[in-house]
Protein backbone atom coordinates (compact mmCIF):
# COMPACT_ATOMS: atom_id res chain seq x y z
CA MET A 1 0.00 0.00 0.00
CA LYS A 2 1.20 3.53 -0.79
CA ILE A 3 0.51 5.89 2.09
CA ALA A 4 1.12 9.64 2.16
CA TYR A 5 1.05 10.91 5.73
CA ILE A 6 0.92 14.71 5.99
CA THR A 7 2.28 15.76 9.37
CA ALA A 8 2.81 19.22 10.89
CA GLY A 9 6.06 20.43 12.38
CA ALA A 10 5.83 22.48 15.56
CA GLY A 11 8.97 24.56 15.26
CA GLY A 12 11.55 23.66 17.89
CA THR A 13 9.14 21.51 19.87
CA ILE A 14 9.16 17.75 20.19
CA CYS A 15 5.37 17.54 20.15
CA GLY A 16 3.16 14.54 20.82
CA ASN A 17 1.63 14.65 17.33
CA CYS A 18 5.05 14.55 15.65
CA LEU A 19 6.10 11.65 17.87
CA ARG A 20 2.95 9.67 17.13
CA ASP A 21 3.00 10.42 13.38
CA ASN A 22 6.66 9.44 13.02
CA THR A 23 6.22 6.29 15.12
CA LEU A 24 3.21 5.24 13.05
CA ALA A 25 5.00 5.91 9.76
CA ARG A 26 8.03 3.86 10.88
CA ALA A 27 5.83 0.96 11.95
CA LEU A 28 3.98 1.00 8.61
CA ILE A 29 7.32 0.98 6.77
CA ASP A 30 8.47 -1.95 8.90
CA LEU A 31 5.33 -3.80 7.79
CA GLY A 32 6.48 -3.45 4.18
CA HIS A 33 4.40 -0.50 2.96
CA GLU A 34 5.52 2.54 0.96
CA VAL A 35 5.13 5.54 3.21
CA GLN A 36 5.96 9.21 2.71
CA LEU A 37 5.84 11.20 5.93
CA ILE A 38 5.44 14.72 4.56
CA PRO A 39 6.16 17.66 6.89
CA THR A 40 4.31 20.95 6.67
CA TYR A 41 5.09 24.34 8.28
CA THR A 42 8.49 23.26 9.68
CA PRO A 43 10.56 20.06 9.81
CA ILE A 44 9.37 17.75 12.56
CA ARG A 45 11.30 16.97 15.72
CA THR A 46 11.25 13.53 17.27
CA ASP A 47 13.44 11.59 19.71
CA GLU A 48 13.34 8.51 17.48
CA GLN A 49 14.64 7.84 13.96
CA ASP A 50 13.12 10.58 11.81
CA VAL A 51 11.56 9.06 8.66
CA SER A 52 10.00 12.28 7.35
CA SER A 53 10.77 13.66 3.91
CA ARG A 54 13.32 16.43 3.63
CA ARG A 55 11.03 18.78 1.67
CA VAL A 56 8.68 20.96 3.73
CA PHE A 57 5.37 22.11 2.22
CA LEU A 58 3.26 25.08 3.36
CA GLY A 59 6.41 26.56 4.88
CA GLY A 60 5.52 28.26 8.13
CA LEU A 61 7.89 31.18 7.58
CA LYS A 62 6.50 31.91 4.12
CA ILE A 63 2.89 31.74 5.31
CA TYR A 64 3.66 33.97 8.27
CA LEU A 65 5.34 36.57 6.06
CA GLN A 66 2.45 36.45 3.61
CA GLN A 67 0.07 37.08 6.51
CA VAL A 68 2.09 40.11 7.61
CA LEU A 69 2.81 41.35 4.07
CA PRO A 70 -0.01 40.15 1.75
CA ALA A 71 1.85 41.44 -1.34
CA LEU A 72 4.30 38.54 -0.91
CA ARG A 73 1.54 36.15 -1.99
CA PHE A 74 2.14 37.31 -5.56
CA VAL A 75 5.93 36.91 -5.62
CA PRO A 76 6.90 34.21 -8.18
CA ARG A 77 7.43 30.87 -6.46
CA PRO A 78 11.06 30.45 -7.59
CA LEU A 79 11.92 33.71 -5.83
CA SER A 80 10.26 32.73 -2.54
CA GLY A 81 11.10 29.02 -2.55
CA PHE A 82 14.22 29.47 -0.41
CA LEU A 83 11.92 30.33 2.53
CA ASP A 84 10.86 26.65 2.65
CA ARG A 85 14.40 25.30 2.99
CA PRO A 86 14.51 22.93 6.01
CA GLU A 87 17.80 24.40 7.25
CA LEU A 88 16.32 27.90 7.35
CA LEU A 89 13.11 26.73 9.00
CA ARG A 90 15.05 24.84 11.68
CA TRP A 91 17.25 27.87 12.33
CA ILE A 92 14.32 30.27 12.55
CA SER A 93 12.48 27.85 14.85
CA ARG A 94 15.21 28.26 17.44
CA PHE A 95 14.46 31.96 17.86
CA ALA A 96 11.12 33.16 16.56
CA VAL A 97 8.45 30.48 16.33
CA SER A 98 5.20 31.06 18.17
CA THR A 99 2.44 28.49 18.45
CA ARG A 100 0.11 30.72 20.48
CA PRO A 101 -3.46 30.53 19.17
CA GLU A 102 -4.10 34.24 19.75
CA GLU A 103 -1.28 35.09 17.32
CA LEU A 104 -2.01 32.46 14.69
CA GLY A 105 -5.77 32.82 14.27
CA ALA A 106 -5.73 34.44 10.81
CA MET A 107 -3.14 31.97 9.51
CA THR A 108 -5.09 28.97 10.84
CA VAL A 109 -8.30 30.14 9.16
CA GLY A 110 -6.42 30.89 5.95
CA VAL A 111 -5.10 27.31 5.83
CA LEU A 112 -8.55 25.88 6.60
CA GLU A 113 -10.00 27.89 3.71
CA GLY A 114 -7.77 25.91 1.35
CA GLU A 115 -8.38 26.60 -2.33
CA THR A 116 -10.64 29.58 -1.55
CA GLY A 117 -8.24 31.14 0.94
CA PRO A 118 -5.14 33.33 0.76
CA TYR A 119 -2.66 30.41 0.64
CA ARG A 120 -4.14 28.53 -2.33
CA ARG A 121 -0.87 28.89 -4.21
CA GLU A 122 1.05 27.26 -1.34
CA PHE A 123 -1.15 24.15 -1.49
CA ASP A 124 -0.47 23.56 -5.19
CA PRO A 125 3.06 22.05 -4.82
CA LEU A 126 1.81 19.62 -2.18
CA VAL A 127 -1.18 18.50 -4.27
CA ASP A 128 0.98 18.29 -7.42
CA SER A 129 3.51 16.10 -5.62
CA LEU A 130 0.82 13.74 -4.36
CA ALA A 131 -0.89 13.61 -7.74
CA ALA A 132 2.40 12.54 -9.32
CA TRP A 133 2.88 9.76 -6.74
CA GLN A 134 -0.79 8.66 -6.59
CA PRO A 135 -0.91 7.13 -3.07
CA ASP A 136 -3.66 4.74 -2.08
CA VAL A 137 -4.29 6.72 1.12
CA VAL A 138 -3.58 10.29 2.14
CA HIS A 139 -3.60 10.63 5.92
CA ILE A 140 -3.76 14.18 7.34
CA THR A 141 -2.37 14.67 10.85
CA ASN A 142 -5.22 16.85 12.20
CA SER A 143 -8.30 18.74 11.08
CA MET A 144 -6.51 22.11 11.00
CA LEU A 145 -4.95 20.90 7.72
CA ALA A 146 -8.32 19.78 6.35
CA GLY A 147 -8.36 22.68 3.89
CA VAL A 148 -6.31 20.57 1.49
CA ALA A 149 -8.88 17.74 1.41
CA PRO A 150 -11.21 19.17 -1.30
CA MET A 151 -8.19 19.72 -3.55
CA LEU A 152 -7.02 16.15 -2.98
CA LYS A 153 -10.44 14.78 -3.86
CA LYS A 154 -10.42 16.68 -7.15
CA ARG A 155 -6.95 15.54 -8.21
CA LEU A 156 -6.50 12.07 -6.67
CA ARG A 157 -8.40 8.81 -6.42
CA SER A 158 -6.98 8.26 -2.95
CA ALA A 159 -8.83 7.64 0.29
CA VAL A 160 -8.45 10.66 2.57
CA VAL A 161 -8.13 10.07 6.31
CA CYS A 162 -7.89 12.74 9.01
CA SER A 163 -6.60 12.17 12.54
CA LEU A 164 -8.01 14.15 15.46
CA GLN A 165 -5.19 14.92 17.86
CA GLY A 166 -6.22 17.64 20.27
CA GLU A 167 -6.66 20.56 17.87
CA ASP A 168 -9.87 21.62 19.62
CA LEU A 169 -7.79 23.08 22.47
CA PHE A 170 -5.88 25.26 20.02
CA LEU A 171 -8.95 26.29 18.04
CA SER A 172 -10.97 27.11 21.16
CA SER A 173 -8.14 29.37 22.37
CA MET A 174 -8.15 31.52 19.24
CA PRO A 175 -9.80 34.95 19.57
CA SER A 176 -12.93 36.00 17.72
CA PRO A 177 -13.70 36.02 14.87
CA TYR A 178 -11.12 33.37 13.96
CA ARG A 179 -12.42 30.81 16.46
CA GLU A 180 -15.97 30.96 15.14
CA ARG A 181 -14.82 30.92 11.51
CA ALA A 182 -12.59 27.88 12.06
CA PHE A 183 -15.31 25.85 13.75
CA ALA A 184 -17.77 26.85 11.01
CA LEU A 185 -15.38 25.53 8.34
CA LEU A 186 -14.83 22.10 9.91
CA PRO A 187 -18.26 20.59 9.07
CA GLU A 188 -17.93 21.84 5.49
CA LEU A 189 -14.52 20.19 5.12
CA ALA A 190 -15.70 16.96 6.73
CA ALA A 191 -17.56 16.13 3.50
CA SER A 192 -14.19 15.66 1.75
CA MET A 193 -12.93 13.14 4.31
CA ASP A 194 -13.51 9.42 3.99
CA VAL A 195 -13.05 8.98 7.72
CA PHE A 196 -11.84 10.75 10.84
CA VAL A 197 -9.89 8.68 13.35
CA SER A 198 -9.30 9.50 17.02
CA PRO A 199 -6.72 8.23 19.55
CA SER A 200 -9.39 7.99 22.26
CA ARG A 201 -13.14 7.60 22.58
CA ALA A 202 -13.39 10.73 24.74
CA HIS A 203 -11.73 12.83 22.06
CA ALA A 204 -13.91 11.32 19.34
CA GLU A 205 -16.99 12.41 21.26
CA GLU A 206 -15.54 15.88 21.86
CA MET A 207 -14.65 16.50 18.21
CA ALA A 208 -17.75 14.88 16.69
CA GLY A 209 -19.84 17.88 17.65
CA HIS A 210 -17.43 20.30 15.97
CA LEU A 211 -17.41 18.18 12.81
CA ALA A 212 -21.18 17.56 12.77
CA VAL A 213 -20.68 13.80 12.59
CA HIS A 214 -21.94 11.08 14.92
CA PRO A 215 -19.29 9.90 17.44
CA ASP A 216 -19.86 6.31 16.31
CA LYS A 217 -18.60 7.35 12.86
CA VAL A 218 -15.20 8.24 14.35
CA PRO A 219 -13.21 5.02 14.87
CA VAL A 220 -10.64 4.90 17.66
CA VAL A 221 -7.08 3.74 17.15
CA HIS A 222 -5.26 4.17 20.44
CA SER A 223 -1.71 5.44 20.30
CA GLY A 224 1.24 3.11 20.69
CA ILE A 225 4.93 3.63 21.39
CA ASP A 226 8.10 2.03 20.05
CA LEU A 227 9.30 -0.28 22.85
CA VAL A 228 12.94 -0.45 21.74
CA GLY A 229 15.20 0.55 24.65
CA TYR A 230 12.59 0.23 27.40
CA ALA A 231 13.32 -2.22 30.19
CA GLY A 232 11.80 -3.11 33.51
CA ARG A 233 12.45 -0.66 36.33
CA GLN A 234 14.97 -1.54 39.01
CA ARG A 235 13.63 -1.62 42.57
CA ARG A 236 13.61 1.93 43.95
CA ALA A 237 15.31 3.13 47.14
CA VAL A 238 12.97 3.18 50.13
CA ASP A 239 14.36 6.38 51.64
CA GLU A 240 13.00 8.67 48.90
CA PHE A 241 9.84 9.08 46.85
CA VAL A 242 10.36 10.72 43.47
CA VAL A 243 7.39 12.29 41.68
CA GLY A 244 8.01 12.99 37.99
CA TYR A 245 6.57 15.20 35.26
CA LEU A 246 7.39 14.59 31.57
CA ALA A 247 5.73 16.99 29.12
CA ARG A 248 5.98 20.47 27.67
CA VAL A 249 6.43 22.99 30.44
CA ALA A 250 3.25 25.00 29.95
CA PRO A 251 0.38 26.12 32.20
CA GLU A 252 -2.23 23.81 30.63
CA LYS A 253 -0.06 20.75 31.34
CA GLY A 254 -0.61 21.18 35.09
CA LEU A 255 2.88 21.63 36.52
CA ARG A 256 1.67 24.29 38.96
CA THR A 257 -1.02 21.90 40.24
CA LEU A 258 1.56 19.14 40.62
CA ALA A 259 3.95 21.39 42.55
CA ASN A 260 1.09 22.37 44.87
CA ALA A 261 0.19 18.71 45.34
CA VAL A 262 3.78 17.77 46.21
CA ALA A 263 3.85 20.59 48.77
CA LYS A 264 0.69 19.14 50.35
CA LEU A 265 2.17 15.63 50.21
CA ARG A 266 5.24 16.82 52.06
CA ALA A 267 3.00 18.40 54.71
CA MET A 268 1.23 15.04 55.15
CA ASN A 269 4.61 13.33 55.53
CA THR A 270 4.89 14.24 59.23
CA PHE A 271 8.17 12.46 59.98
CA GLY A 272 9.93 13.56 56.80
CA ARG A 273 10.51 9.99 55.63
CA PRO A 274 10.82 9.13 52.85
CA ARG A 275 12.39 12.21 51.29
CA ILE A 276 9.92 13.53 48.69
CA ARG A 277 11.32 15.00 45.48
CA LEU A 278 9.80 16.50 42.33
CA ARG A 279 11.70 16.09 39.03
CA VAL A 280 10.55 17.78 35.82
CA ALA A 281 11.59 17.13 32.22
CA GLY A 282 10.27 18.61 29.00
CA TRP A 283 10.64 21.29 26.37
CA LEU A 284 10.38 24.89 27.54
CA SER A 285 9.46 27.58 25.04
CA PRO A 286 10.76 31.14 25.51
CA GLU A 287 7.21 32.36 26.12
CA HIS A 288 6.84 30.02 29.13
CA ARG A 289 10.12 30.75 30.91
CA SER A 290 8.29 33.16 33.22
CA PHE A 291 5.79 30.40 34.01
CA LEU A 292 8.58 28.05 35.08
CA ALA A 293 10.09 30.86 37.15
CA ASP A 294 6.72 31.27 38.90
CA VAL A 295 6.62 27.54 39.67
CA GLU A 296 10.16 27.70 41.03
CA ARG A 297 9.12 30.58 43.32
CA GLN A 298 6.10 28.52 44.38
CA VAL A 299 8.40 25.63 45.26
CA GLN A 300 10.78 27.99 47.11
CA ASP A 301 7.91 29.42 49.16
CA ALA A 302 6.73 25.88 49.97
CA GLY A 303 10.17 25.06 51.33
CA PHE A 304 11.37 22.32 49.03
CA ALA A 305 13.55 24.07 46.48
CA GLU A 306 16.38 21.66 47.25
CA ASP A 307 14.11 18.76 46.28
CA PHE A 308 12.89 20.27 43.00
CA GLU A 309 14.79 19.80 39.75
CA TYR A 310 14.07 20.86 36.19
CA VAL A 311 16.34 18.71 34.03
CA GLY A 312 15.35 20.36 30.73
CA GLU A 313 14.52 18.76 27.41
CA VAL A 314 15.55 15.10 27.14
CA ASP A 315 16.41 12.86 24.20
CA ARG A 316 15.13 9.29 24.00
CA GLU A 317 17.92 7.72 26.05
CA GLN A 318 17.70 10.45 28.67
CA LYS A 319 13.91 10.13 28.75
CA ILE A 320 14.05 6.44 29.55
CA ALA A 321 16.69 7.05 32.25
CA PHE A 322 14.54 9.84 33.69
CA LEU A 323 11.46 7.61 33.87
CA ASN A 324 13.44 4.76 35.42
CA GLY A 325 14.35 7.10 38.27
CA LEU A 326 10.73 7.84 39.23
CA ASP A 327 8.33 6.28 41.70
CA VAL A 328 5.28 7.85 40.03
CA LEU A 329 4.54 10.06 37.03
CA SER A 330 1.87 12.75 36.97
CA VAL A 331 1.03 15.28 34.26
CA PRO A 332 -2.22 16.74 35.65
CA THR A 333 -3.45 18.54 32.54
CA SER A 334 -6.27 21.05 32.78
CA TYR A 335 -7.75 19.86 29.47
CA GLY A 336 -8.84 16.54 28.03
CA ALA A 337 -5.57 15.29 26.53
CA PRO A 338 -6.36 12.89 23.65
CA LYS A 339 -3.25 10.64 23.52
CA GLY A 340 -1.32 10.27 26.78
CA LEU A 341 1.98 9.11 25.26
CA TYR A 342 3.93 9.99 28.41
CA VAL A 343 1.65 7.67 30.40
CA MET A 344 2.52 4.79 28.06
CA GLU A 345 6.21 5.67 28.27
CA ALA A 346 6.04 5.60 32.08
CA TRP A 347 4.30 2.23 31.99
CA ALA A 348 6.92 0.87 29.60
CA CYS A 349 9.37 1.49 32.47
CA GLY A 350 7.04 -0.03 35.06
CA VAL A 351 6.17 3.34 36.63
CA PRO A 352 2.60 3.91 37.89
CA VAL A 353 0.77 7.17 37.16
CA VAL A 354 -1.72 9.55 38.76
CA GLN A 355 -3.72 11.45 36.15
CA PRO A 356 -6.84 13.67 36.08
CA ARG A 357 -10.22 12.11 35.35
CA ILE A 358 -10.56 13.75 31.92
CA GLY A 359 -9.63 13.06 28.30
CA VAL A 360 -7.93 9.79 27.45
CA PHE A 361 -6.73 9.08 30.99
CA PRO A 362 -9.81 7.22 32.33
CA GLU A 363 -9.68 4.99 29.23
CA LEU A 364 -6.01 4.22 29.82
CA ILE A 365 -6.38 3.55 33.54
CA ASP A 366 -9.48 1.39 33.00
CA ALA A 367 -7.66 -0.63 30.34
CA THR A 368 -4.57 -1.27 32.44
CA GLY A 369 -5.03 -0.72 36.17
CA GLY A 370 -1.69 1.08 35.88
CA GLY A 371 -2.46 4.00 38.17
CA LEU A 372 -4.98 6.22 39.90
CA LEU A 373 -7.32 9.03 38.82
CA CYS A 374 -7.81 12.35 40.58
CA GLU A 375 -10.17 15.26 40.16
CA PRO A 376 -8.95 17.71 37.48
CA GLY A 377 -7.23 20.77 38.93
CA ASP A 378 -7.58 19.50 42.52
CA ALA A 379 -4.13 19.54 44.12
CA ALA A 380 -5.45 18.12 47.39
CA ASP A 381 -6.99 15.09 45.67
CA LEU A 382 -3.83 14.60 43.64
CA ALA A 383 -1.78 14.70 46.85
CA LYS A 384 -4.01 12.05 48.45
CA ASN A 385 -3.48 9.73 45.50
CA LEU A 386 0.26 10.31 45.55
CA GLU A 387 0.28 9.54 49.28
CA MET A 388 -1.58 6.29 48.61
CA LEU A 389 1.19 5.14 46.29
CA MET A 390 3.94 6.41 48.58
CA THR A 391 2.60 4.58 51.63
CA SER A 392 1.65 1.42 49.72
CA PRO A 393 4.76 0.52 47.71
CA GLU A 394 3.40 -2.97 46.96
CA MET A 395 0.33 -1.45 45.30
CA ALA A 396 2.48 1.00 43.37
CA GLU A 397 4.70 -1.84 42.19
CA GLU A 398 1.69 -3.88 41.08
CA MET A 399 0.21 -0.94 39.16
CA GLY A 400 3.50 -0.29 37.41
CA THR A 401 3.74 -3.96 36.46
CA LEU A 402 0.18 -4.01 35.13
CA GLY A 403 0.87 -0.92 33.05
CA ARG A 404 4.06 -2.40 31.62
CA ARG A 405 2.30 -5.64 30.64
CA LYS A 406 -0.49 -3.76 28.85
CA VAL A 407 2.00 -1.61 26.92
CA GLN A 408 3.85 -4.75 25.84
CA ASP A 409 0.58 -6.43 24.83
CA TYR A 410 -1.33 -3.51 23.31
CA PHE A 411 -0.07 0.09 23.56
CA HIS A 412 2.81 -0.38 21.11
CA SER A 413 3.50 0.85 17.60
CA LYS A 414 3.03 -2.47 15.79
CA ARG A 415 -0.53 -2.83 17.06
CA MET A 416 -1.28 0.82 16.21
CA ALA A 417 0.00 0.34 12.65
CA GLY A 418 -1.95 -2.90 12.20
CA GLN A 419 -5.21 -1.30 13.28
CA MET A 420 -4.61 1.69 11.06
CA LEU A 421 -3.97 -0.57 8.06
CA THR A 422 -7.25 -2.38 8.68
CA LEU A 423 -9.02 0.98 8.73
CA TYR A 424 -7.36 1.99 5.43
CA GLU A 425 -8.28 -1.30 3.75
CA ASN A 426 -11.94 -0.94 4.66
CA LEU A 427 -12.31 2.46 3.00
CA THR A 428 -14.33 2.43 -0.21
CA PRO A 429 -11.87 4.53 -2.29
CA TYR A 430 -9.05 2.13 -1.45
CA ARG A 431 -11.10 -0.97 -2.29
CA GLU A 432 -12.19 0.57 -5.59
CA ARG A 433 -8.56 1.24 -6.55
CA ARG A 434 -7.80 -2.44 -6.02
CA LEU A 435 -10.52 -3.63 -8.42
């Protein structure tokens, strides 16, 4: 099968969508299929082998400049093509890439408008490239790129699939009138999709209303991770209890709530044994440095600065070592996260989790028994659940073991790729191409 997977780079960020898209593409290639992982906006970043194509379409720098200076939309393509060079986009991403919805509203709507919008000319090279290759399936990473779907349907005989990967959070955060315009466009664009696919049932139900489709028409293919390099956790020291956070350092990811919960946990720990520590890893954007500074002041005021550590961004090897050094992982997001890759990564190391009762997390915990659920945004409830694991190490060990077994049996990339292939094969456009 020939599969074109259109992904979206996020500047300098190692984002969950890039990780999942790259992992899926690699697993499909390993199964013997022809796959092009096609980046848009910027090159992708991943902590695994990057299988994406070198060429970047819909270059983020060019689109941004055209938004600021509309006259650039009429510059001949050969004169503006250098703006899409991967080296330039990577370099710019280090200094000046913003992914804030309030700044990107007009650009997001312009991309959703596709062939009727201001960036029609930027879609043409992508559609021309796909028309020349004629894939069996074109898979779009999220609905914010759905503007290309009508053009694909006109030029290709391919099945068109669209993942739903948490874009509702971004779209809902855009200011008026861009938010309303974007959500108005989604049902119109849904007609050009053969199927939407979600990484969780909760997210399928959330997005179905925005797309004006029935939730039962949105199949679920849970995410899976590449298990290479993961091993069972060594038994932890009994004189310390290490709480970990592995995600982007941003307010919506819940680090402030977690720091508050750890402060409460330390207050519950009357005799000061074990020593309670909080370790944080993840990408920090320039715009969120003040947020991290606020959390560090919060920790200082709570009296455990010496037991707080931000280790920075980690590569794959460092990530696994970081997780192996934890007793529990918690990323208490304030929104319904759709994938939960960091939960699966913790389980792959035998580490239990405490997560909020929203988004994908209840599905993951119900499926595995690999942790506990707390009330969203409730630091006191989070602290109580952390205390339960701290004072019941046998239970924590059992939960970590259950999570690891389920990741080995189900939440891995080979299963994800197999389920996605079955979905592709059942689509009418693909079956008709085979006749």
